[in-house]
Structures are given as C-alpha cells and as structure tokens.
Amino acid sequence: MHGSGARGESGAIYILTDSPTVSEKYIADALSTRGLATTVINVTERPIYGIRGTALLRMRNPYTAVAYGELAERSINPPAAIASALNRLSWLPKFGPPHAVVSSDFAVEKVEVEKPWLLMTAWRLDIDGVVTSVEGAKSVLEHRLYMRNPLARVSVVVPKPQRTYTVFATAKAGEGVAKEVLKHLGLLYAKITLGEYGREVYVLDVDPIPPLDKGEAALVAELV
C-alpha cells in the first residue's frame, strides 16, 4: 500500500469489493485459518493503481470486477472468464436450452420457441422474467430498448423450465455439467442455475461472483 491509493505487494492477497458483505468476511476468515493474511479493499473509497498480488474480485457489480481485474497480476475469477460468463451467448449454444435471440418487438413476433417463455437478457443483468404471450414479450422488450443500459437491448427467448435449482462449483470441487461450464469459460468458481425440461437439464445462468456461505467461502479460499 502506498499513499492514498492501492498498488499492492507481490505475493499479497487482496479482496476487492464495491460493497462489503458477509461473504468477503467468510473468505478472509477461511484464508486466515490457512495462515494467509488478506487485505479487504473497498474500491469506492480509494484509487487503485495496480495489484501486484492476487485479487479476489468480489464486486456486487460484475462489470466493475471485469475492469478492476485487469489491474491485478492474478485474479479470482479471471476478468476474461467473468466477461464470458456475463455474455450468455458464449455458453448458451453449448449448454443452454433451445433459444432465439431478439433485439426488437417486431422480431419476437416470429419466435418459434414453445411458450411460456423465460425472457433473458443476452448480457447478465438480473432482469430476466417469464412471459406467457407474444404481447407480454413485446412489452418487456420495449421497456428494455428504452433503458439507458445498452446491454439490455439484446434478449434471449428460452422455454420456461419446469423447475430450476442452483449448484456451486469450483475448479477443484465440481462435477458434471457444472465442471464443464467452469472449464469452458475459464472460471475458478461460480454458482450455476440449471433448468429441468422433462428428462433434459440445461444451464440457464452462470453467476461468476455469487454470494457465499461459510462452506463455499472455504472452497474459494482453496483456490488462492
């Protein structure tokens, strides 16, 4: 640490956040039990000039994490992997259900995916929703088109799953499709939402910076 900003020391471990939560405390505690000292840095409170050690990116806004991750010698998760997870079209063709990509209310009228629909954003924004009709989908798309966020302008239509559930996986403790998703995206850990469609199970969401309980935080600490 130097002056009023952060540069970091080679070999040091930093937890970068824009809104500290109990998850970051759990990670720091887990690292401490392994004899590893950790510094928590709130990036909203000081400038960052570079991180010469390892940065655990724990921003609530994952797009912020992608930017700050480029400043570190090593990041968990790597910024390029976070970006790939956020861009759902980087993994949906391989792991997701049948889908159509639309960017206008006119295009959605021609979608031939079975209803009801889960109307997702192509970039992960936490504003997905279920619609039961074309008119409902057009209304949602019109709202997204008028949002100031350009990432909301492309949507993905998928069938609504019969049931969804979430699994947590790390590069060291993952199995099945969750492990395949991590490897495909280059992630070291994530929470993955799966949807059931009869006998088929597809990936519907990948959260590269999820909230963590104590057990999950301990698994993340093992990645350092």
Protein backbone atom coordinates (compact mmCIF):
# COMPACT_ATOMS: atom_id res chain seq x y z
CA MET A 1 0.00 0.00 0.00
CA HIS A 2 1.37 3.41 -0.93
CA GLY A 3 -0.10 6.86 -0.33
CA SER A 4 -3.87 7.19 -0.54
CA GLY A 5 -4.26 4.57 -3.28
CA ALA A 6 -3.57 0.87 -3.58
CA ARG A 7 -0.77 -0.70 -5.59
CA GLY A 8 -0.34 -3.92 -3.72
CA GLU A 9 2.69 -6.04 -2.95
CA SER A 10 3.83 -9.01 -5.00
CA GLY A 11 2.53 -12.23 -3.44
CA ALA A 12 -0.05 -10.45 -1.28
CA ILE A 13 -3.74 -11.37 -1.27
CA TYR A 14 -6.44 -8.73 -1.68
CA ILE A 15 -10.22 -8.95 -1.65
CA LEU A 16 -11.60 -6.20 -3.86
CA THR A 17 -15.21 -5.17 -3.32
CA ASP A 18 -17.53 -2.26 -4.05
CA SER A 19 -19.97 -3.16 -1.26
CA PRO A 20 -18.56 -5.39 1.51
CA THR A 21 -20.82 -8.27 2.60
CA VAL A 22 -20.51 -11.24 4.94
CA SER A 23 -19.23 -13.32 2.00
CA GLU A 24 -15.97 -11.37 1.96
CA LYS A 25 -15.57 -11.86 5.72
CA TYR A 26 -16.06 -15.60 5.28
CA ILE A 27 -13.34 -15.70 2.60
CA ALA A 28 -10.93 -13.65 4.75
CA ASP A 29 -11.60 -15.90 7.75
CA ALA A 30 -11.05 -19.04 5.67
CA LEU A 31 -7.74 -17.68 4.37
CA SER A 32 -6.71 -16.68 7.89
CA THR A 33 -7.21 -20.24 9.16
CA ARG A 34 -4.74 -21.30 6.47
CA GLY A 35 -2.21 -18.74 7.70
CA LEU A 36 -2.77 -16.35 4.80
CA ALA A 37 -3.14 -12.65 5.55
CA THR A 38 -5.69 -10.79 3.46
CA THR A 39 -6.44 -7.11 2.89
CA VAL A 40 -10.01 -6.09 2.00
CA ILE A 41 -10.14 -3.04 -0.28
CA ASN A 42 -13.34 -1.14 -1.00
CA VAL A 43 -12.69 0.26 -4.48
CA THR A 44 -15.26 3.02 -3.95
CA GLU A 45 -13.08 4.55 -1.25
CA ARG A 46 -9.64 4.78 -2.89
CA PRO A 47 -7.96 4.76 -6.30
CA ILE A 48 -6.29 1.57 -7.45
CA TYR A 49 -3.02 1.88 -9.37
CA GLY A 50 -2.34 -1.81 -9.75
CA ILE A 51 -2.37 -5.02 -7.75
CA ARG A 52 0.91 -6.90 -7.79
CA GLY A 53 -0.52 -9.81 -5.84
CA THR A 54 -3.68 -11.92 -6.08
CA ALA A 55 -7.05 -10.16 -6.22
CA LEU A 56 -10.25 -11.92 -5.30
CA LEU A 57 -12.84 -9.94 -7.25
CA ARG A 58 -15.94 -9.64 -5.08
CA MET A 59 -17.76 -6.67 -6.56
CA ARG A 60 -21.55 -6.62 -6.46
CA ASN A 61 -21.41 -5.21 -9.99
CA PRO A 62 -19.62 -7.90 -12.03
CA TYR A 63 -18.85 -5.46 -14.84
CA THR A 64 -16.84 -3.44 -12.33
CA ALA A 65 -14.96 -6.63 -11.47
CA VAL A 66 -14.00 -7.16 -15.11
CA ALA A 67 -12.39 -3.73 -15.20
CA TYR A 68 -10.52 -3.96 -11.91
CA GLY A 69 -9.41 -7.50 -12.59
CA GLU A 70 -7.21 -6.24 -15.40
CA LEU A 71 -5.11 -4.38 -12.82
CA ALA A 72 -4.03 -7.49 -10.92
CA GLU A 73 -1.21 -9.96 -11.54
CA ARG A 74 -3.71 -12.74 -10.84
CA SER A 75 -7.45 -12.55 -10.32
CA ILE A 76 -10.06 -14.95 -8.96
CA ASN A 77 -12.11 -15.15 -11.07
CA PRO A 78 -10.06 -14.02 -14.10
CA PRO A 79 -11.65 -10.93 -15.72
CA ALA A 80 -11.90 -12.54 -19.17
CA ALA A 81 -13.73 -15.51 -17.63
CA ILE A 82 -16.15 -13.22 -15.80
CA ALA A 83 -16.88 -11.40 -19.05
CA SER A 84 -17.53 -14.70 -20.82
CA ALA A 85 -19.95 -15.76 -18.10
CA LEU A 86 -21.80 -12.44 -18.32
CA ASN A 87 -22.15 -12.82 -22.08
CA ARG A 88 -24.68 -15.63 -22.06
CA LEU A 89 -24.27 -16.28 -25.76
CA SER A 90 -20.75 -17.52 -25.03
CA TRP A 91 -22.19 -20.59 -23.25
CA LEU A 92 -25.88 -20.92 -24.16
CA PRO A 93 -25.27 -22.59 -27.55
CA LYS A 94 -23.29 -25.38 -25.83
CA PHE A 95 -25.09 -25.76 -22.50
CA GLY A 96 -28.44 -23.97 -22.78
CA PRO A 97 -31.92 -24.97 -23.98
CA PRO A 98 -33.30 -24.18 -27.46
CA HIS A 99 -33.33 -20.41 -27.79
CA ALA A 100 -33.81 -17.43 -30.08
CA VAL A 101 -32.03 -14.08 -29.92
CA VAL A 102 -34.10 -10.93 -30.49
CA SER A 103 -33.50 -7.19 -30.34
CA SER A 104 -36.92 -5.76 -31.26
CA ASP A 105 -40.61 -6.27 -30.54
CA PHE A 106 -41.06 -6.99 -34.25
CA ALA A 107 -38.58 -9.89 -34.20
CA VAL A 108 -40.16 -11.53 -31.16
CA GLU A 109 -43.42 -11.97 -33.09
CA LYS A 110 -41.64 -14.55 -35.26
CA VAL A 111 -40.04 -16.62 -32.50
CA GLU A 112 -40.82 -20.32 -32.77
CA VAL A 113 -39.92 -21.38 -29.23
CA GLU A 114 -42.54 -23.15 -27.14
CA LYS A 115 -44.37 -20.90 -24.64
CA PRO A 116 -44.38 -19.84 -21.87
CA TRP A 117 -41.03 -18.13 -22.28
CA LEU A 118 -38.23 -17.12 -19.99
CA LEU A 119 -37.12 -13.80 -21.47
CA MET A 120 -33.45 -13.37 -20.59
CA THR A 121 -31.03 -10.58 -21.42
CA ALA A 122 -28.08 -11.67 -23.57
CA TRP A 123 -25.79 -9.94 -21.06
CA ARG A 124 -26.42 -10.93 -17.45
CA LEU A 125 -28.31 -8.08 -15.75
CA ASP A 126 -30.64 -9.80 -13.25
CA ILE A 127 -33.79 -8.61 -15.03
CA ASP A 128 -34.96 -11.90 -16.56
CA GLY A 129 -38.66 -12.67 -16.44
CA VAL A 130 -41.34 -15.12 -17.53
CA VAL A 131 -43.89 -14.13 -20.18
CA THR A 132 -46.85 -16.16 -21.40
CA SER A 133 -47.66 -14.38 -24.64
CA VAL A 134 -46.10 -12.53 -27.54
CA GLU A 135 -47.76 -9.32 -26.37
CA GLY A 136 -46.20 -9.72 -22.96
CA ALA A 137 -42.79 -10.30 -24.53
CA LYS A 138 -43.17 -7.23 -26.74
CA SER A 139 -43.95 -5.09 -23.71
CA VAL A 140 -40.83 -6.31 -21.88
CA LEU A 141 -38.63 -5.81 -24.93
CA GLU A 142 -39.96 -2.30 -25.48
CA HIS A 143 -39.04 -1.44 -21.89
CA ARG A 144 -35.54 -2.88 -22.33
CA LEU A 145 -34.99 -0.96 -25.55
CA TYR A 146 -35.72 2.30 -23.75
CA MET A 147 -33.44 1.57 -20.80
CA ARG A 148 -30.26 3.63 -20.68
CA ASN A 149 -28.19 0.47 -20.37
CA PRO A 150 -27.12 -0.65 -23.87
CA LEU A 151 -26.50 -4.17 -22.54
CA ALA A 152 -30.27 -4.60 -22.12
CA ARG A 153 -31.03 -4.24 -25.83
CA VAL A 154 -30.45 -7.85 -26.87
CA SER A 155 -32.64 -10.56 -25.36
CA VAL A 156 -32.75 -14.35 -25.46
CA VAL A 157 -36.00 -16.30 -25.56
CA VAL A 158 -35.94 -19.78 -24.00
CA PRO A 159 -38.77 -22.09 -22.90
CA LYS A 160 -39.76 -21.69 -19.25
CA PRO A 161 -38.26 -24.63 -17.32
CA GLN A 162 -40.39 -26.94 -15.19
CA ARG A 163 -38.02 -26.42 -12.26
CA THR A 164 -34.78 -24.60 -11.54
CA TYR A 165 -32.05 -25.19 -8.98
CA THR A 166 -28.59 -23.80 -8.29
CA VAL A 167 -25.30 -25.61 -7.78
CA PHE A 168 -22.00 -24.21 -6.52
CA ALA A 169 -18.81 -25.47 -8.11
CA THR A 170 -15.10 -24.73 -8.09
CA ALA A 171 -12.30 -25.91 -10.35
CA LYS A 172 -11.24 -28.24 -7.53
CA ALA A 173 -14.72 -29.27 -6.33
CA GLY A 174 -17.06 -29.54 -9.29
CA GLU A 175 -18.67 -32.34 -11.24
CA GLY A 176 -20.94 -32.97 -14.18
CA VAL A 177 -22.14 -30.10 -16.31
CA ALA A 178 -21.09 -27.53 -13.68
CA LYS A 179 -17.46 -28.58 -14.01
CA GLU A 180 -17.77 -28.47 -17.81
CA VAL A 181 -19.14 -24.93 -17.68
CA LEU A 182 -16.26 -23.73 -15.49
CA LYS A 183 -13.71 -25.26 -17.84
CA HIS A 184 -15.46 -23.84 -20.92
CA LEU A 185 -15.47 -20.30 -19.51
CA GLY A 186 -12.15 -20.39 -17.66
CA LEU A 187 -13.83 -19.76 -14.29
CA LEU A 188 -12.39 -20.95 -10.99
CA TYR A 189 -15.76 -20.90 -9.22
CA ALA A 190 -19.38 -19.96 -9.86
CA LYS A 191 -22.97 -20.65 -8.99
CA ILE A 192 -24.81 -22.20 -11.89
CA THR A 193 -28.57 -22.26 -12.35
CA LEU A 194 -29.92 -25.37 -14.03
CA GLY A 195 -33.38 -25.82 -15.52
CA GLU A 196 -35.26 -29.07 -15.89
CA TYR A 197 -37.13 -29.76 -19.12
CA GLY A 198 -38.56 -33.24 -18.75
CA ARG A 199 -35.55 -35.56 -18.73
CA GLU A 200 -33.22 -32.85 -20.02
CA VAL A 201 -31.27 -30.41 -17.84
CA TYR A 202 -29.86 -27.20 -19.29
CA VAL A 203 -27.82 -24.28 -17.95
CA LEU A 204 -29.83 -21.08 -17.55
CA ASP A 205 -27.46 -18.80 -15.64
CA VAL A 206 -23.84 -18.53 -14.54
CA ASP A 207 -23.04 -16.20 -11.63
CA PRO A 208 -19.27 -15.59 -11.56
CA ILE A 209 -19.36 -13.56 -8.30
CA PRO A 210 -22.07 -15.20 -6.18
CA PRO A 211 -22.92 -14.70 -2.52
CA LEU A 212 -21.14 -17.35 -0.45
CA ASP A 213 -21.86 -19.24 2.74
CA LYS A 214 -19.01 -20.36 5.04
CA GLY A 215 -18.54 -23.70 3.33
CA GLU A 216 -18.44 -22.15 -0.14
CA ALA A 217 -16.05 -19.43 1.03
CA ALA A 218 -13.70 -22.12 2.35
CA LEU A 219 -13.72 -23.78 -1.08
CA VAL A 220 -12.93 -20.44 -2.73
CA ALA A 221 -10.06 -19.89 -0.31
CA GLU A 222 -8.53 -23.17 -1.51
CA LEU A 223 -8.20 -21.63 -4.98
CA VAL A 224 -5.69 -19.00 -3.83
